[in-house]
Amino acid sequence: MPAPAVTPDWSFEREHWRRGYFRVAGVDEAGRGAWAGPVTVAAVILPGAAAELPFRDSKQLSANERTALATEVRRVALAWAVEHAWPEEIDRLNILGATHAAAHRALARLDPPPQALITDYLRLSTPLPLLWPPRADALSYTVAAASLLAKTERDRLMTELDAEYPGHGFAAHKGYGAPAHRAALERLGVTPLHRRSFAPVARLLVGEAATGT
């Protein structure tokens, strides 16, 4: 029997509120483990009303539920921003460095600016008070809201990019390491969307170089 879904609350936000920091930004990402496409980071500041909200970790929801709730996040948020780190930046900085860079870009766009942060186990370098618990996307309303924006925006992008690279199946697997993605890579080769520093892609490139293809 699967474990019951965890319901988020305001516990982490309250830790910041007690210290006088009321504009708390939640930060989450989508796509860190994918072989292709960007890593997408969202930052969200919610009104600190301590009311029950419908926002949940995006991984617990269907695509239609995520889309509806992402629209609600944009409606109620005090501020929100989404940024991407594309494969060139990922290959240059590594995936963790690129995720940090995109997170800082998203936070810099928030207006009003945040006074404190909660991330999903992402220890950002920041002068702001930071909580970075594991599974924060399932435990914190603010981080859950960020997870909804990051996931829906990245999925939208990968679906659009599917038309630019037909046959790779990006609309279906969103760049993750599905068997169909591996088969398409072997059949069609590497695209500019692929992260060349990731092992499955790097191995294919080595094989192409060895055979002169």
N, C-alpha and C. Protein backbone atom coordinates (compact mmCIF):
# COMPACT_ATOMS: atom_id res chain seq x y z
N MET A 1 0.85 -1.20 0.00
CA MET A 1 0.00 0.00 0.00
C MET A 1 0.89 1.25 0.00
N PRO A 2 0.63 2.23 -0.92
CA PRO A 2 1.47 3.43 -0.95
C PRO A 2 1.29 4.26 0.31
N ALA A 3 2.35 4.98 0.67
CA ALA A 3 2.28 5.85 1.84
C ALA A 3 1.29 6.99 1.57
N PRO A 4 0.56 7.44 2.57
CA PRO A 4 -0.37 8.54 2.35
C PRO A 4 0.38 9.82 2.00
N ALA A 5 -0.25 10.64 1.17
CA ALA A 5 0.35 11.91 0.77
C ALA A 5 0.51 12.81 1.98
N VAL A 6 1.62 13.51 2.03
CA VAL A 6 1.89 14.44 3.13
C VAL A 6 1.19 15.76 2.82
N THR A 7 0.57 16.34 3.81
CA THR A 7 -0.10 17.63 3.64
C THR A 7 0.80 18.74 4.17
N PRO A 8 1.10 19.74 3.35
CA PRO A 8 1.96 20.83 3.83
C PRO A 8 1.25 21.72 4.83
N ASP A 9 2.03 22.52 5.54
CA ASP A 9 1.47 23.50 6.46
C ASP A 9 2.41 24.70 6.50
N TRP A 10 2.26 25.53 7.54
CA TRP A 10 3.04 26.77 7.65
C TRP A 10 4.17 26.65 8.70
N SER A 11 4.54 25.45 9.09
CA SER A 11 5.49 25.31 10.19
C SER A 11 6.81 26.02 9.92
N PHE A 12 7.39 25.82 8.75
CA PHE A 12 8.69 26.45 8.45
C PHE A 12 8.53 27.96 8.29
N GLU A 13 7.44 28.37 7.65
CA GLU A 13 7.20 29.81 7.53
C GLU A 13 7.10 30.46 8.90
N ARG A 14 6.43 29.78 9.85
CA ARG A 14 6.28 30.35 11.19
C ARG A 14 7.62 30.56 11.88
N GLU A 15 8.58 29.70 11.60
CA GLU A 15 9.92 29.91 12.18
C GLU A 15 10.49 31.25 11.76
N HIS A 16 10.28 31.63 10.50
CA HIS A 16 10.73 32.94 10.04
C HIS A 16 9.84 34.05 10.60
N TRP A 17 8.52 33.84 10.61
CA TRP A 17 7.61 34.88 11.10
C TRP A 17 7.93 35.26 12.54
N ARG A 18 8.28 34.26 13.37
CA ARG A 18 8.58 34.54 14.78
C ARG A 18 9.78 35.46 14.93
N ARG A 19 10.64 35.47 13.92
CA ARG A 19 11.83 36.33 13.96
C ARG A 19 11.60 37.66 13.24
N GLY A 20 10.36 37.89 12.81
CA GLY A 20 10.02 39.17 12.19
C GLY A 20 10.20 39.21 10.69
N TYR A 21 10.40 38.05 10.06
CA TYR A 21 10.56 37.99 8.60
C TYR A 21 9.25 37.48 8.01
N PHE A 22 8.49 38.38 7.40
CA PHE A 22 7.14 38.01 6.96
C PHE A 22 7.04 37.78 5.45
N ARG A 23 7.98 38.30 4.67
CA ARG A 23 7.99 38.00 3.23
C ARG A 23 8.93 36.81 3.01
N VAL A 24 8.38 35.62 3.06
CA VAL A 24 9.16 34.39 2.99
C VAL A 24 9.00 33.80 1.59
N ALA A 25 10.10 33.63 0.91
CA ALA A 25 10.07 33.04 -0.43
C ALA A 25 10.35 31.55 -0.35
N GLY A 26 9.52 30.77 -1.00
CA GLY A 26 9.78 29.36 -1.20
C GLY A 26 10.45 29.16 -2.55
N VAL A 27 11.41 28.26 -2.61
CA VAL A 27 12.17 28.00 -3.83
C VAL A 27 12.16 26.50 -4.11
N ASP A 28 11.86 26.14 -5.36
CA ASP A 28 11.94 24.74 -5.75
C ASP A 28 12.30 24.65 -7.22
N GLU A 29 12.75 23.47 -7.63
CA GLU A 29 13.20 23.28 -9.01
C GLU A 29 12.53 22.07 -9.63
N ALA A 30 12.60 22.00 -10.95
CA ALA A 30 12.16 20.83 -11.71
C ALA A 30 13.21 20.56 -12.78
N GLY A 31 13.50 19.29 -12.99
CA GLY A 31 14.38 18.91 -14.10
C GLY A 31 15.83 18.70 -13.76
N ARG A 32 16.18 18.61 -12.49
CA ARG A 32 17.60 18.41 -12.17
C ARG A 32 18.13 17.10 -12.70
N GLY A 33 17.32 16.06 -12.68
CA GLY A 33 17.80 14.75 -13.09
C GLY A 33 17.59 14.43 -14.55
N ALA A 34 17.01 15.33 -15.31
CA ALA A 34 16.74 15.06 -16.72
C ALA A 34 18.03 15.03 -17.54
N TRP A 35 17.98 14.37 -18.68
CA TRP A 35 19.12 14.32 -19.60
C TRP A 35 19.09 15.48 -20.60
N ALA A 36 17.94 16.11 -20.74
CA ALA A 36 17.78 17.16 -21.75
C ALA A 36 16.86 18.25 -21.21
N GLY A 37 17.00 19.44 -21.80
CA GLY A 37 16.19 20.56 -21.39
C GLY A 37 16.77 21.29 -20.20
N PRO A 38 16.11 22.36 -19.79
CA PRO A 38 16.63 23.18 -18.69
C PRO A 38 16.32 22.58 -17.33
N VAL A 39 17.04 23.06 -16.33
CA VAL A 39 16.56 22.94 -14.96
C VAL A 39 15.82 24.25 -14.69
N THR A 40 14.63 24.13 -14.15
CA THR A 40 13.73 25.27 -13.99
C THR A 40 13.52 25.52 -12.51
N VAL A 41 13.69 26.76 -12.09
CA VAL A 41 13.58 27.12 -10.67
C VAL A 41 12.51 28.20 -10.52
N ALA A 42 11.63 28.01 -9.55
CA ALA A 42 10.61 29.00 -9.24
C ALA A 42 10.80 29.51 -7.82
N ALA A 43 10.46 30.76 -7.63
CA ALA A 43 10.46 31.39 -6.30
C ALA A 43 9.10 32.05 -6.10
N VAL A 44 8.51 31.86 -4.94
CA VAL A 44 7.16 32.35 -4.66
C VAL A 44 7.10 32.93 -3.25
N ILE A 45 6.46 34.09 -3.12
CA ILE A 45 6.11 34.64 -1.81
C ILE A 45 4.59 34.62 -1.70
N LEU A 46 4.08 33.92 -0.71
CA LEU A 46 2.64 33.87 -0.47
C LEU A 46 2.25 34.84 0.64
N PRO A 47 1.00 35.31 0.64
CA PRO A 47 0.53 36.10 1.78
C PRO A 47 0.60 35.25 3.05
N GLY A 48 1.09 35.79 4.11
CA GLY A 48 1.28 35.03 5.34
C GLY A 48 0.04 35.00 6.21
N ALA A 49 -1.05 34.48 5.66
CA ALA A 49 -2.32 34.50 6.39
C ALA A 49 -2.51 33.26 7.26
N ALA A 50 -1.62 32.27 7.12
CA ALA A 50 -1.70 31.02 7.87
C ALA A 50 -3.01 30.27 7.62
N ALA A 51 -3.65 30.53 6.47
CA ALA A 51 -4.87 29.81 6.12
C ALA A 51 -4.52 28.51 5.43
N GLU A 52 -5.46 27.58 5.42
CA GLU A 52 -5.24 26.32 4.69
C GLU A 52 -5.32 26.60 3.20
N LEU A 53 -4.38 26.05 2.44
CA LEU A 53 -4.31 26.25 1.00
C LEU A 53 -4.33 24.91 0.28
N PRO A 54 -4.71 24.90 -1.00
CA PRO A 54 -4.77 23.63 -1.74
C PRO A 54 -3.43 23.20 -2.31
N PHE A 55 -2.37 24.00 -2.16
CA PHE A 55 -1.11 23.71 -2.83
C PHE A 55 -0.45 22.46 -2.24
N ARG A 56 0.07 21.63 -3.15
CA ARG A 56 0.72 20.39 -2.77
C ARG A 56 1.98 20.21 -3.61
N ASP A 57 2.85 19.34 -3.16
CA ASP A 57 4.02 18.94 -3.93
C ASP A 57 3.55 18.51 -5.31
N SER A 58 4.15 19.09 -6.36
CA SER A 58 3.70 18.81 -7.72
C SER A 58 3.78 17.33 -8.07
N LYS A 59 4.68 16.58 -7.44
CA LYS A 59 4.84 15.15 -7.74
C LYS A 59 3.64 14.34 -7.27
N GLN A 60 2.81 14.89 -6.38
CA GLN A 60 1.65 14.18 -5.84
C GLN A 60 0.41 14.37 -6.71
N LEU A 61 0.51 15.16 -7.79
CA LEU A 61 -0.68 15.61 -8.51
C LEU A 61 -0.65 15.18 -9.97
N SER A 62 -1.82 15.15 -10.58
CA SER A 62 -1.90 14.93 -12.02
C SER A 62 -1.54 16.21 -12.77
N ALA A 63 -1.31 16.08 -14.07
CA ALA A 63 -0.96 17.26 -14.88
C ALA A 63 -2.06 18.31 -14.83
N ASN A 64 -3.33 17.89 -14.91
CA ASN A 64 -4.43 18.85 -14.86
C ASN A 64 -4.52 19.54 -13.50
N GLU A 65 -4.30 18.78 -12.43
CA GLU A 65 -4.31 19.37 -11.09
C GLU A 65 -3.17 20.37 -10.94
N ARG A 66 -1.99 20.02 -11.43
CA ARG A 66 -0.85 20.95 -11.35
C ARG A 66 -1.14 22.25 -12.09
N THR A 67 -1.71 22.14 -13.28
CA THR A 67 -1.99 23.33 -14.08
C THR A 67 -2.98 24.24 -13.38
N ALA A 68 -4.04 23.67 -12.84
CA ALA A 68 -5.05 24.47 -12.14
C ALA A 68 -4.47 25.15 -10.91
N LEU A 69 -3.66 24.40 -10.15
CA LEU A 69 -3.10 24.98 -8.93
C LEU A 69 -2.01 26.00 -9.24
N ALA A 70 -1.26 25.81 -10.32
CA ALA A 70 -0.25 26.81 -10.70
C ALA A 70 -0.92 28.13 -11.05
N THR A 71 -2.08 28.07 -11.70
CA THR A 71 -2.84 29.28 -11.99
C THR A 71 -3.26 29.97 -10.70
N GLU A 72 -3.67 29.18 -9.71
CA GLU A 72 -4.06 29.74 -8.41
C GLU A 72 -2.86 30.35 -7.68
N VAL A 73 -1.68 29.72 -7.79
CA VAL A 73 -0.48 30.30 -7.18
C VAL A 73 -0.23 31.69 -7.75
N ARG A 74 -0.29 31.82 -9.06
CA ARG A 74 -0.04 33.13 -9.68
C ARG A 74 -1.08 34.16 -9.24
N ARG A 75 -2.29 33.69 -8.99
CA ARG A 75 -3.36 34.62 -8.61
C ARG A 75 -3.16 35.16 -7.20
N VAL A 76 -2.75 34.30 -6.27
CA VAL A 76 -2.72 34.72 -4.86
C VAL A 76 -1.34 35.19 -4.40
N ALA A 77 -0.29 34.88 -5.11
CA ALA A 77 1.06 35.18 -4.63
C ALA A 77 1.31 36.68 -4.54
N LEU A 78 2.07 37.08 -3.53
CA LEU A 78 2.55 38.47 -3.47
C LEU A 78 3.57 38.72 -4.55
N ALA A 79 4.38 37.70 -4.86
CA ALA A 79 5.38 37.80 -5.92
C ALA A 79 5.76 36.39 -6.35
N TRP A 80 6.11 36.24 -7.63
CA TRP A 80 6.61 34.95 -8.11
C TRP A 80 7.50 35.19 -9.33
N ALA A 81 8.40 34.26 -9.55
CA ALA A 81 9.30 34.34 -10.71
C ALA A 81 9.76 32.93 -11.05
N VAL A 82 10.01 32.70 -12.33
CA VAL A 82 10.53 31.42 -12.82
C VAL A 82 11.74 31.69 -13.70
N GLU A 83 12.81 30.95 -13.48
CA GLU A 83 14.03 31.08 -14.28
C GLU A 83 14.50 29.70 -14.73
N HIS A 84 15.26 29.68 -15.83
CA HIS A 84 15.79 28.44 -16.38
C HIS A 84 17.31 28.49 -16.47
N ALA A 85 17.93 27.35 -16.28
CA ALA A 85 19.34 27.18 -16.63
C ALA A 85 19.38 26.14 -17.75
N TRP A 86 19.84 26.54 -18.91
CA TRP A 86 19.81 25.69 -20.09
C TRP A 86 21.05 24.79 -20.14
N PRO A 87 21.05 23.79 -21.04
CA PRO A 87 22.14 22.81 -21.04
C PRO A 87 23.54 23.40 -21.10
N GLU A 88 23.75 24.46 -21.85
CA GLU A 88 25.09 25.05 -21.91
C GLU A 88 25.56 25.50 -20.53
N GLU A 89 24.67 26.14 -19.77
CA GLU A 89 25.02 26.58 -18.42
C GLU A 89 25.20 25.39 -17.49
N ILE A 90 24.34 24.37 -17.64
CA ILE A 90 24.47 23.16 -16.82
C ILE A 90 25.82 22.48 -17.07
N ASP A 91 26.21 22.37 -18.34
CA ASP A 91 27.47 21.71 -18.66
C ASP A 91 28.67 22.54 -18.19
N ARG A 92 28.49 23.85 -18.13
CA ARG A 92 29.59 24.72 -17.71
C ARG A 92 29.75 24.75 -16.19
N LEU A 93 28.63 24.79 -15.48
CA LEU A 93 28.67 24.99 -14.03
C LEU A 93 28.47 23.69 -13.24
N ASN A 94 27.99 22.66 -13.84
CA ASN A 94 27.45 21.40 -13.29
C ASN A 94 26.01 21.67 -12.84
N ILE A 95 25.25 20.60 -12.64
CA ILE A 95 23.82 20.76 -12.42
C ILE A 95 23.52 21.50 -11.12
N LEU A 96 24.29 21.27 -10.06
CA LEU A 96 24.02 21.97 -8.81
C LEU A 96 24.33 23.45 -8.95
N GLY A 97 25.46 23.78 -9.58
CA GLY A 97 25.80 25.18 -9.77
C GLY A 97 24.79 25.91 -10.63
N ALA A 98 24.31 25.24 -11.68
CA ALA A 98 23.31 25.87 -12.55
C ALA A 98 21.98 26.06 -11.83
N THR A 99 21.62 25.11 -10.97
CA THR A 99 20.40 25.24 -10.18
C THR A 99 20.50 26.43 -9.24
N HIS A 100 21.63 26.57 -8.58
CA HIS A 100 21.85 27.73 -7.71
C HIS A 100 21.76 29.03 -8.49
N ALA A 101 22.38 29.07 -9.68
CA ALA A 101 22.38 30.29 -10.47
C ALA A 101 20.95 30.68 -10.88
N ALA A 102 20.17 29.70 -11.31
CA ALA A 102 18.79 29.98 -11.69
C ALA A 102 17.96 30.42 -10.49
N ALA A 103 18.21 29.81 -9.33
CA ALA A 103 17.49 30.20 -8.12
C ALA A 103 17.78 31.66 -7.75
N HIS A 104 19.04 32.05 -7.83
CA HIS A 104 19.38 33.44 -7.51
C HIS A 104 18.75 34.40 -8.51
N ARG A 105 18.67 34.03 -9.78
CA ARG A 105 18.02 34.90 -10.77
C ARG A 105 16.53 35.04 -10.46
N ALA A 106 15.89 33.94 -10.10
CA ALA A 106 14.46 34.01 -9.76
C ALA A 106 14.23 34.88 -8.53
N LEU A 107 15.05 34.70 -7.50
CA LEU A 107 14.88 35.50 -6.29
C LEU A 107 15.11 36.99 -6.56
N ALA A 108 16.05 37.30 -7.44
CA ALA A 108 16.34 38.70 -7.75
C ALA A 108 15.18 39.39 -8.45
N ARG A 109 14.30 38.62 -9.06
CA ARG A 109 13.17 39.20 -9.78
C ARG A 109 11.94 39.41 -8.90
N LEU A 110 11.95 38.92 -7.68
CA LEU A 110 10.77 39.06 -6.82
C LEU A 110 10.58 40.51 -6.38
N ASP A 111 9.36 41.00 -6.50
CA ASP A 111 9.03 42.36 -6.10
C ASP A 111 7.64 42.33 -5.46
N PRO A 112 7.57 42.50 -4.14
CA PRO A 112 8.63 42.92 -3.20
C PRO A 112 9.65 41.81 -2.98
N PRO A 113 10.86 42.19 -2.54
CA PRO A 113 11.90 41.20 -2.33
C PRO A 113 11.65 40.38 -1.07
N PRO A 114 12.19 39.18 -1.02
CA PRO A 114 12.00 38.34 0.17
C PRO A 114 12.86 38.81 1.33
N GLN A 115 12.39 38.50 2.53
CA GLN A 115 13.17 38.74 3.75
C GLN A 115 13.80 37.46 4.29
N ALA A 116 13.29 36.30 3.85
CA ALA A 116 13.80 35.01 4.30
C ALA A 116 13.40 33.97 3.26
N LEU A 117 14.07 32.80 3.33
CA LEU A 117 13.89 31.78 2.30
C LEU A 117 13.63 30.41 2.92
N ILE A 118 12.88 29.59 2.17
CA ILE A 118 12.76 28.16 2.44
C ILE A 118 13.01 27.45 1.11
N THR A 119 13.91 26.49 1.09
CA THR A 119 14.17 25.73 -0.13
C THR A 119 13.99 24.24 0.14
N ASP A 120 13.87 23.50 -0.94
CA ASP A 120 13.76 22.05 -0.84
C ASP A 120 15.17 21.46 -0.85
N TYR A 121 15.81 21.51 0.30
CA TYR A 121 17.15 20.94 0.50
C TYR A 121 18.18 21.53 -0.46
N LEU A 122 18.06 22.83 -0.74
CA LEU A 122 19.00 23.53 -1.61
C LEU A 122 19.66 24.61 -0.76
N ARG A 123 20.93 24.38 -0.40
CA ARG A 123 21.62 25.29 0.51
C ARG A 123 22.23 26.45 -0.28
N LEU A 124 21.40 27.44 -0.53
CA LEU A 124 21.85 28.59 -1.30
C LEU A 124 22.81 29.46 -0.49
N SER A 125 23.73 30.07 -1.20
CA SER A 125 24.60 31.07 -0.59
C SER A 125 23.85 32.40 -0.61
N THR A 126 23.44 32.86 0.57
CA THR A 126 22.60 34.05 0.65
C THR A 126 22.76 34.70 2.01
N PRO A 127 22.66 36.03 2.08
CA PRO A 127 22.66 36.69 3.39
C PRO A 127 21.31 36.59 4.09
N LEU A 128 20.28 36.13 3.40
CA LEU A 128 18.95 36.03 3.99
C LEU A 128 18.85 34.81 4.89
N PRO A 129 18.04 34.87 5.94
CA PRO A 129 17.78 33.68 6.75
C PRO A 129 17.23 32.56 5.87
N LEU A 130 17.79 31.38 6.02
CA LEU A 130 17.47 30.27 5.12
C LEU A 130 17.16 29.01 5.91
N LEU A 131 16.04 28.38 5.57
CA LEU A 131 15.74 27.02 6.01
C LEU A 131 15.75 26.13 4.77
N TRP A 132 16.42 24.98 4.86
CA TRP A 132 16.53 24.12 3.67
C TRP A 132 16.27 22.65 4.02
N PRO A 133 15.09 22.37 4.57
CA PRO A 133 14.78 21.00 4.98
C PRO A 133 14.55 20.09 3.77
N PRO A 134 14.86 18.80 3.91
CA PRO A 134 14.47 17.85 2.86
C PRO A 134 12.96 17.74 2.79
N ARG A 135 12.47 17.46 1.59
CA ARG A 135 11.04 17.28 1.33
C ARG A 135 10.23 18.55 1.63
N ALA A 136 10.85 19.69 1.54
CA ALA A 136 10.12 20.93 1.83
C ALA A 136 8.97 21.14 0.85
N ASP A 137 9.08 20.59 -0.37
CA ASP A 137 7.98 20.76 -1.33
C ASP A 137 6.72 20.03 -0.87
N ALA A 138 6.87 19.03 -0.01
CA ALA A 138 5.72 18.32 0.54
C ALA A 138 5.29 18.86 1.90
N LEU A 139 6.13 19.67 2.54
CA LEU A 139 5.89 20.09 3.92
C LEU A 139 5.52 21.56 4.07
N SER A 140 5.92 22.38 3.12
CA SER A 140 5.73 23.83 3.21
C SER A 140 4.80 24.30 2.10
N TYR A 141 3.77 25.09 2.45
CA TYR A 141 2.89 25.65 1.43
C TYR A 141 3.67 26.49 0.41
N THR A 142 4.62 27.27 0.90
CA THR A 142 5.34 28.18 0.02
C THR A 142 6.22 27.44 -0.97
N VAL A 143 6.90 26.40 -0.50
CA VAL A 143 7.74 25.61 -1.40
C VAL A 143 6.88 24.76 -2.33
N ALA A 144 5.76 24.24 -1.83
CA ALA A 144 4.83 23.52 -2.71
C ALA A 144 4.35 24.42 -3.84
N ALA A 145 4.06 25.67 -3.54
CA ALA A 145 3.64 26.62 -4.58
C ALA A 145 4.74 26.80 -5.62
N ALA A 146 5.99 26.92 -5.15
CA ALA A 146 7.11 27.04 -6.09
C ALA A 146 7.27 25.78 -6.93
N SER A 147 7.05 24.61 -6.32
CA SER A 147 7.18 23.37 -7.09
C SER A 147 6.15 23.30 -8.20
N LEU A 148 4.95 23.81 -7.96
CA LEU A 148 3.91 23.82 -8.99
C LEU A 148 4.30 24.70 -10.17
N LEU A 149 4.84 25.87 -9.90
CA LEU A 149 5.25 26.75 -11.00
C LEU A 149 6.43 26.18 -11.77
N ALA A 150 7.41 25.64 -11.06
CA ALA A 150 8.59 25.10 -11.74
C ALA A 150 8.21 23.92 -12.64
N LYS A 151 7.40 23.01 -12.12
CA LYS A 151 7.04 21.82 -12.87
C LYS A 151 6.18 22.16 -14.08
N THR A 152 5.15 22.97 -13.90
CA THR A 152 4.26 23.27 -15.02
C THR A 152 4.96 24.09 -16.09
N GLU A 153 5.82 25.02 -15.70
CA GLU A 153 6.53 25.82 -16.70
C GLU A 153 7.53 24.97 -17.48
N ARG A 154 8.24 24.09 -16.79
CA ARG A 154 9.19 23.23 -17.51
C ARG A 154 8.46 22.26 -18.44
N ASP A 155 7.37 21.66 -17.96
CA ASP A 155 6.61 20.75 -18.82
C ASP A 155 6.10 21.47 -20.06
N ARG A 156 5.63 22.70 -19.89
CA ARG A 156 5.14 23.47 -21.03
C ARG A 156 6.26 23.69 -22.05
N LEU A 157 7.44 24.06 -21.56
CA LEU A 157 8.57 24.29 -22.45
C LEU A 157 8.95 23.02 -23.21
N MET A 158 9.03 21.90 -22.50
CA MET A 158 9.45 20.66 -23.15
C MET A 158 8.43 20.20 -24.19
N THR A 159 7.16 20.48 -23.95
CA THR A 159 6.13 20.14 -24.93
C THR A 159 6.29 21.01 -26.18
N GLU A 160 6.58 22.29 -25.99
CA GLU A 160 6.82 23.17 -27.13
C GLU A 160 8.06 22.74 -27.91
N LEU A 161 9.11 22.37 -27.20
CA LEU A 161 10.36 21.99 -27.86
C LEU A 161 10.26 20.65 -28.59
N ASP A 162 9.28 19.86 -28.23
CA ASP A 162 9.06 18.59 -28.93
C ASP A 162 8.87 18.82 -30.42
N ALA A 163 8.20 19.91 -30.79
CA ALA A 163 7.96 20.19 -32.21
C ALA A 163 9.25 20.58 -32.94
N GLU A 164 10.21 21.15 -32.22
CA GLU A 164 11.48 21.54 -32.84
C GLU A 164 12.40 20.35 -33.05
N TYR A 165 12.22 19.31 -32.25
CA TYR A 165 13.07 18.12 -32.34
C TYR A 165 12.18 16.87 -32.44
N PRO A 166 11.50 16.71 -33.58
CA PRO A 166 10.54 15.60 -33.71
C PRO A 166 11.24 14.25 -33.60
N GLY A 167 10.54 13.32 -32.99
CA GLY A 167 11.06 11.97 -32.85
C GLY A 167 11.73 11.70 -31.53
N HIS A 168 12.12 12.74 -30.79
CA HIS A 168 12.80 12.53 -29.51
C HIS A 168 11.84 12.29 -28.35
N GLY A 169 10.59 12.65 -28.53
CA GLY A 169 9.59 12.36 -27.50
C GLY A 169 9.62 13.28 -26.30
N PHE A 170 10.13 14.49 -26.48
CA PHE A 170 10.26 15.38 -25.33
C PHE A 170 8.91 15.70 -24.67
N ALA A 171 7.83 15.75 -25.44
CA ALA A 171 6.52 16.04 -24.86
C ALA A 171 6.08 14.93 -23.92
N ALA A 172 6.53 13.72 -24.17
CA ALA A 172 6.12 12.58 -23.34
C ALA A 172 7.01 12.41 -22.12
N HIS A 173 8.32 12.33 -22.32
CA HIS A 173 9.21 12.03 -21.18
C HIS A 173 9.86 13.26 -20.56
N LYS A 174 9.66 14.43 -21.18
CA LYS A 174 10.14 15.72 -20.65
C LYS A 174 11.66 15.76 -20.46
N GLY A 175 12.38 14.93 -21.21
CA GLY A 175 13.84 14.96 -21.13
C GLY A 175 14.44 14.02 -20.12
N TYR A 176 13.61 13.29 -19.37
CA TYR A 176 14.13 12.35 -18.38
C TYR A 176 14.59 11.05 -19.06
N GLY A 177 15.24 10.20 -18.29
CA GLY A 177 15.90 9.02 -18.84
C GLY A 177 14.98 7.84 -19.05
N ALA A 178 13.88 8.03 -19.72
CA ALA A 178 12.96 6.94 -20.03
C ALA A 178 13.57 6.05 -21.12
N PRO A 179 13.16 4.76 -21.19
CA PRO A 179 13.66 3.89 -22.27
C PRO A 179 13.43 4.48 -23.66
N ALA A 180 12.29 5.14 -23.86
CA ALA A 180 12.01 5.74 -25.16
C ALA A 180 13.00 6.87 -25.47
N HIS A 181 13.44 7.58 -24.44
CA HIS A 181 14.41 8.65 -24.64
C HIS A 181 15.77 8.06 -25.03
N ARG A 182 16.17 7.02 -24.34
CA ARG A 182 17.44 6.37 -24.67
C ARG A 182 17.42 5.84 -26.11
N ALA A 183 16.30 5.23 -26.50
CA ALA A 183 16.18 4.69 -27.86
C ALA A 183 16.25 5.81 -28.90
N ALA A 184 15.60 6.94 -28.62
CA ALA A 184 15.64 8.06 -29.55
C ALA A 184 17.03 8.65 -29.66
N LEU A 185 17.74 8.72 -28.54
CA LEU A 185 19.12 9.20 -28.58
C LEU A 185 19.99 8.32 -29.47
N GLU A 186 19.85 7.03 -29.31
CA GLU A 186 20.66 6.11 -30.10
C GLU A 186 20.28 6.16 -31.57
N ARG A 187 19.00 6.43 -31.84
CA ARG A 187 18.52 6.44 -33.23
C ARG A 187 18.79 7.78 -33.92
N LEU A 188 18.60 8.88 -33.21
CA LEU A 188 18.62 10.21 -33.82
C LEU A 188 19.83 11.04 -33.43
N GLY A 189 20.52 10.65 -32.35
CA GLY A 189 21.68 11.40 -31.90
C GLY A 189 21.34 12.51 -30.93
N VAL A 190 22.35 13.26 -30.57
CA VAL A 190 22.25 14.29 -29.53
C VAL A 190 21.78 15.60 -30.14
N THR A 191 20.88 16.28 -29.44
CA THR A 191 20.39 17.60 -29.87
C THR A 191 21.02 18.69 -29.02
N PRO A 192 20.85 19.96 -29.40
CA PRO A 192 21.32 21.05 -28.55
C PRO A 192 20.63 21.11 -27.19
N LEU A 193 19.50 20.42 -27.04
CA LEU A 193 18.81 20.38 -25.75
C LEU A 193 19.44 19.42 -24.77
N HIS A 194 20.33 18.54 -25.23
CA HIS A 194 20.89 17.52 -24.35
C HIS A 194 22.06 18.06 -23.53
N ARG A 195 22.15 17.55 -22.32
CA ARG A 195 23.21 17.94 -21.38
C ARG A 195 24.41 17.04 -21.63
N ARG A 196 25.40 17.57 -22.28
CA ARG A 196 26.53 16.76 -22.75
C ARG A 196 27.41 16.25 -21.62
N SER A 197 27.29 16.86 -20.46
CA SER A 197 28.08 16.41 -19.31
C SER A 197 27.40 15.26 -18.57
N PHE A 198 26.15 14.94 -18.90
CA PHE A 198 25.45 13.85 -18.24
C PHE A 198 25.89 12.53 -18.85
N ALA A 199 26.12 11.53 -18.01
CA ALA A 199 26.77 10.29 -18.43
C ALA A 199 26.13 9.61 -19.63
N PRO A 200 24.80 9.41 -19.68
CA PRO A 200 24.24 8.72 -20.85
C PRO A 200 24.48 9.46 -22.16
N VAL A 201 24.43 10.79 -22.11
CA VAL A 201 24.68 11.59 -23.31
C VAL A 201 26.17 11.59 -23.64
N ALA A 202 27.01 11.74 -22.62
CA ALA A 202 28.46 11.75 -22.84
C ALA A 202 28.94 10.44 -23.45
N ARG A 203 28.38 9.31 -22.98
CA ARG A 203 28.78 8.01 -23.54
C ARG A 203 28.42 7.92 -25.01
N LEU A 204 27.26 8.43 -25.37
CA LEU A 204 26.85 8.41 -26.78
C LEU A 204 27.77 9.27 -27.63
N LEU A 205 28.14 10.43 -27.12
CA LEU A 205 29.06 11.31 -27.85
C LEU A 205 30.42 10.66 -28.05
N VAL A 206 30.90 9.95 -27.04
CA VAL A 206 32.18 9.24 -27.17
C VAL A 206 32.07 8.17 -28.26
N GLY A 207 30.93 7.47 -28.28
CA GLY A 207 30.75 6.44 -29.29
C GLY A 207 30.68 7.02 -30.68
N GLU A 208 30.00 8.18 -30.83
CA GLU A 208 29.94 8.84 -32.13
C GLU A 208 31.32 9.29 -32.60
N ALA A 209 32.10 9.81 -31.65
CA ALA A 209 33.46 10.26 -32.02
C ALA A 209 34.32 9.08 -32.45
N ALA A 210 34.16 7.95 -31.79
CA ALA A 210 34.98 6.79 -32.11
C ALA A 210 34.64 6.22 -33.49
N THR A 211 33.37 6.32 -33.87
CA THR A 211 32.95 5.76 -35.16
C THR A 211 32.95 6.80 -36.27
N GLY A 212 33.18 8.05 -35.89
CA GLY A 212 33.22 9.11 -36.90
C GLY A 212 31.85 9.52 -37.39
N THR A 213 30.80 9.20 -36.64
CA THR A 213 29.44 9.56 -37.07
C THR A 213 29.05 10.91 -36.50
